Amino acid sequence: AAYGETSSSALSNANTPIVGGVVGECDIDGITLSNLTNGNGSTDSGKVLLCSYNVAYAAYGGGIVGKGYSGGDDNATNNTVENCTNSGKIAVTTKNTKVYLGGICGGGPNITTCTNNGEVSYWNANVQESAIGGIAGNLAGNLIGNKSFGDVSIKTQTNGNTKKTRVGGLVGRCNVAGLTFD
């Protein structure tokens, strides 16, 4: 279990900042993360904070894992996050950055019977293409038996160059054919 604060700051032209409450990134296929907890329910426990500016590709932030799959955002994955709980607040502030942000996973693999109780909030100036969800920001696997009770919110400031921003109570974006939602 993780109960402290996890944070990252990425300055201009950083490649891909990835922050998770328990695991930053699962960069190979075939990994299963089970029975992990971030936060103990108190307001300041288990916070995941990310601040970035002009990131070259994308920033990922999640209560359990920042990015839970290898390869691109549109590839199916064999990784699984199961029976995990996040109670920490996930907060991201960015400028000119694409972001995948979720209560359990920013970039989500197969996610089964996980619960998010933490708030997921995102503030972005000059919004790039982004996805924010109570369980996963970007989903590249199946979603089965999950619950999210935390608020999901986004605030943007734009100069007229705003790209797609997807926000969902469970998932912000899924872009892989043949996924199961139950």
Protein backbone atom coordinates (compact mmCIF):
# COMPACT_ATOMS: atom_id res chain seq x y z
CA ALA A 1 0.00 0.00 0.00
CA ALA A 2 1.13 3.54 -0.76
CA TYR A 3 0.04 6.39 1.47
CA GLY A 4 2.45 9.21 0.61
CA GLU A 5 2.41 11.80 -2.15
CA THR A 6 3.78 10.97 -5.60
CA SER A 7 4.64 13.86 -7.89
CA SER A 8 6.47 14.79 -11.06
CA SER A 9 7.30 18.02 -12.85
CA ALA A 10 8.27 18.02 -16.52
CA LEU A 11 9.66 21.13 -18.09
CA SER A 12 9.54 22.11 -21.73
CA ASN A 13 10.31 19.40 -24.32
CA ALA A 14 10.30 16.48 -21.86
CA ASN A 15 9.42 13.24 -23.65
CA THR A 16 6.79 11.38 -21.58
CA PRO A 17 6.35 12.03 -17.84
CA ILE A 18 4.59 9.06 -16.20
CA VAL A 19 3.38 9.12 -12.58
CA GLY A 20 1.51 6.40 -10.67
CA GLY A 21 0.52 6.19 -7.02
CA VAL A 22 2.07 2.69 -6.78
CA VAL A 23 3.69 1.90 -10.17
CA GLY A 24 4.87 4.41 -12.77
CA GLU A 25 4.84 2.23 -15.91
CA CYS A 26 4.46 -1.42 -16.96
CA ASP A 27 6.64 -1.42 -20.05
CA ILE A 28 6.39 -5.10 -21.03
CA ASP A 29 3.42 -7.35 -21.79
CA GLY A 30 2.12 -10.06 -19.46
CA ILE A 31 2.21 -8.17 -16.13
CA THR A 32 -0.58 -8.52 -13.54
CA LEU A 33 -0.88 -6.00 -10.70
CA SER A 34 -3.17 -7.31 -7.95
CA ASN A 35 -4.54 -6.12 -4.60
CA LEU A 36 -2.72 -2.77 -4.56
CA THR A 37 -3.90 0.26 -2.57
CA ASN A 38 -3.04 3.94 -2.90
CA GLY A 39 -4.20 6.23 -0.09
CA ASN A 40 -5.98 5.48 3.16
CA GLY A 41 -9.06 7.65 2.65
CA SER A 42 -7.81 10.83 4.32
CA THR A 43 -7.73 14.04 2.27
CA ASP A 44 -3.93 14.24 1.95
CA SER A 45 -3.16 10.53 1.62
CA GLY A 46 -1.96 9.01 -1.65
CA LYS A 47 -1.97 12.17 -3.79
CA VAL A 48 -0.64 11.82 -7.33
CA LEU A 49 0.44 15.18 -8.77
CA LEU A 50 1.83 15.96 -12.22
CA CYS A 51 2.79 19.33 -13.65
CA SER A 52 4.08 19.54 -17.22
CA TYR A 53 4.73 22.08 -19.96
CA ASN A 54 5.24 21.44 -23.69
CA VAL A 55 5.69 17.67 -23.34
CA ALA A 56 6.87 16.07 -26.60
CA TYR A 57 4.38 13.15 -26.62
CA ALA A 58 2.00 12.71 -23.66
CA ALA A 59 1.85 12.74 -19.87
CA TYR A 60 0.27 9.85 -17.91
CA GLY A 61 -1.06 9.89 -14.34
CA GLY A 62 -2.98 7.24 -12.38
CA GLY A 63 -3.84 6.35 -8.79
CA ILE A 64 -2.37 2.84 -9.11
CA VAL A 65 -0.31 2.91 -12.32
CA GLY A 66 0.55 5.80 -14.65
CA LYS A 67 0.80 3.75 -17.86
CA GLY A 68 -0.19 0.09 -17.66
CA TYR A 69 0.68 -1.10 -21.15
CA SER A 70 3.66 -1.24 -23.49
CA GLY A 71 3.65 0.19 -26.98
CA GLY A 72 1.29 2.80 -28.40
CA ASP A 73 -1.99 4.05 -27.02
CA ASP A 74 -4.04 2.23 -29.66
CA ASN A 75 -2.57 -1.27 -29.14
CA ALA A 76 -4.36 -4.03 -27.23
CA THR A 77 -2.53 -5.26 -24.13
CA ASN A 78 -2.11 -8.46 -22.12
CA ASN A 79 -1.43 -6.59 -18.87
CA THR A 80 -4.01 -6.58 -16.08
CA VAL A 81 -4.75 -4.42 -13.04
CA GLU A 82 -7.14 -6.23 -10.68
CA ASN A 83 -8.67 -5.83 -7.22
CA CYS A 84 -6.96 -2.46 -6.64
CA THR A 85 -8.25 0.60 -4.79
CA ASN A 86 -7.29 4.25 -5.10
CA SER A 87 -8.39 6.82 -2.52
CA GLY A 88 -5.82 9.47 -3.40
CA LYS A 89 -6.53 12.64 -5.35
CA ILE A 90 -5.11 12.62 -8.90
CA ALA A 91 -4.33 16.18 -10.05
CA VAL A 92 -2.64 17.28 -13.25
CA THR A 93 -1.81 20.79 -14.43
CA THR A 94 -0.39 21.17 -17.93
CA LYS A 95 0.20 23.57 -20.78
CA ASN A 96 0.46 22.45 -24.41
CA THR A 97 0.46 18.78 -23.37
CA LYS A 98 -1.58 15.68 -24.28
CA VAL A 99 -2.66 13.90 -21.06
CA TYR A 100 -4.09 10.49 -20.12
CA LEU A 101 -5.35 10.61 -16.55
CA GLY A 102 -7.38 8.10 -14.51
CA GLY A 103 -8.29 7.19 -10.93
CA ILE A 104 -6.76 3.72 -11.39
CA CYS A 105 -4.66 4.05 -14.60
CA GLY A 106 -3.78 6.96 -16.85
CA GLY A 107 -3.13 4.54 -19.71
CA GLY A 108 -5.18 1.50 -18.79
CA PRO A 109 -4.66 -2.17 -19.65
CA ASN A 110 -7.29 -4.79 -18.72
CA ILE A 111 -8.86 -3.49 -15.49
CA THR A 112 -10.96 -5.81 -13.32
CA THR A 113 -12.82 -5.19 -10.02
CA CYS A 114 -10.98 -1.99 -9.12
CA THR A 115 -12.44 0.93 -7.17
CA ASN A 116 -11.56 4.60 -7.36
CA ASN A 117 -12.66 6.79 -4.44
CA GLY A 118 -10.33 9.68 -5.27
CA GLU A 119 -11.01 12.89 -7.14
CA VAL A 120 -9.53 13.12 -10.64
CA SER A 121 -8.89 16.72 -11.73
CA TYR A 122 -7.21 18.23 -14.75
CA TRP A 123 -6.33 21.80 -15.64
CA ASN A 124 -4.82 22.58 -19.02
CA ALA A 125 -3.92 25.76 -20.88
CA ASN A 126 -4.03 25.27 -24.65
CA VAL A 127 -5.63 21.83 -24.49
CA GLN A 128 -4.07 19.09 -26.58
CA GLU A 129 -5.84 15.79 -27.33
CA SER A 130 -6.47 14.30 -23.88
CA ALA A 131 -8.59 11.73 -22.03
CA ILE A 132 -9.65 11.73 -18.37
CA GLY A 133 -11.72 9.08 -16.54
CA GLY A 134 -12.65 7.86 -13.07
CA ILE A 135 -11.01 4.47 -13.79
CA ALA A 136 -8.84 5.05 -16.91
CA GLY A 137 -7.98 7.98 -19.12
CA ASN A 138 -7.10 5.90 -22.19
CA LEU A 139 -8.21 2.24 -22.16
CA ALA A 140 -6.38 -0.41 -24.21
CA GLY A 141 -7.97 -3.48 -22.55
CA ASN A 142 -11.21 -4.83 -21.09
CA LEU A 143 -13.11 -3.10 -18.27
CA ILE A 144 -14.94 -5.54 -15.98
CA GLY A 145 -16.60 -4.97 -12.58
CA ASN A 146 -15.08 -1.55 -11.77
CA LYS A 147 -16.53 1.34 -9.74
CA SER A 148 -15.62 5.00 -9.46
CA PHE A 149 -17.04 7.22 -6.72
CA GLY A 150 -14.64 10.17 -7.08
CA ASP A 151 -15.46 13.39 -8.94
CA VAL A 152 -13.93 13.78 -12.41
CA SER A 153 -13.38 17.40 -13.47
CA ILE A 154 -11.59 19.42 -16.11
CA LYS A 155 -10.89 23.13 -16.46
CA THR A 156 -9.37 24.56 -19.62
CA GLN A 157 -8.02 27.82 -20.87
CA THR A 158 -7.62 28.09 -24.60
CA ASN A 159 -6.17 30.34 -27.23
CA GLY A 160 -8.54 28.95 -29.87
CA ASN A 161 -6.29 25.98 -30.65
CA THR A 162 -8.12 23.40 -28.50
CA LYS A 163 -8.05 19.75 -29.57
CA LYS A 164 -10.31 16.87 -28.42
CA THR A 165 -10.64 16.35 -24.70
CA ARG A 166 -12.60 13.28 -23.61
CA VAL A 167 -13.98 13.00 -20.08
CA GLY A 168 -15.88 10.01 -18.67
CA GLY A 169 -17.08 8.82 -15.27
CA LEU A 170 -15.27 5.51 -15.90
CA VAL A 171 -13.21 5.90 -19.11
CA GLY A 172 -12.23 8.96 -21.11
CA ARG A 173 -11.20 7.17 -24.32
CA CYS A 174 -11.03 3.62 -25.69
CA ASN A 175 -9.61 3.20 -29.15
CA VAL A 176 -9.09 -0.56 -29.48
CA ALA A 177 -11.67 -2.76 -31.24
CA GLY A 178 -13.28 -5.74 -29.52
CA LEU A 179 -13.02 -4.62 -25.86
CA THR A 180 -15.44 -5.88 -23.22
CA PHE A 181 -17.25 -3.53 -20.83
CA ASP A 182 -19.16 -5.15 -17.98
